[in-house]
Amino acid sequence: MLRLPAGMRDRIAEVARANNRSMNSEIVSALTRAFPPTEPDDAEINPEDWREQEIASILTSMEELFLRLKALRGSKD
């Protein structure tokens, strides 16, 4: 869990929306700018890759929820 000063979450959300990113991606982007990579393995991930990873994560979550819902419906039949 990350504790943020009052108002910072809203500011991050606003900037993330403006940049068409999730709050997590916006925070990672800011941290990457503040702490540039020092080794080749730490190279910044392409924003397109972030989006693809986020979409894959969302789809996985949706599939898990669908399976849970299906199991709950099945248990009530």
Foldseek 3Di string as FASTA:
>chain_A
DDDDPPPPVVVLCVVCVVVVHDSVVSVVVVVCVVPPDPDPVRHDDDVVVVVVVVVVVVVVVVVVVVVVVVVVVVVVD
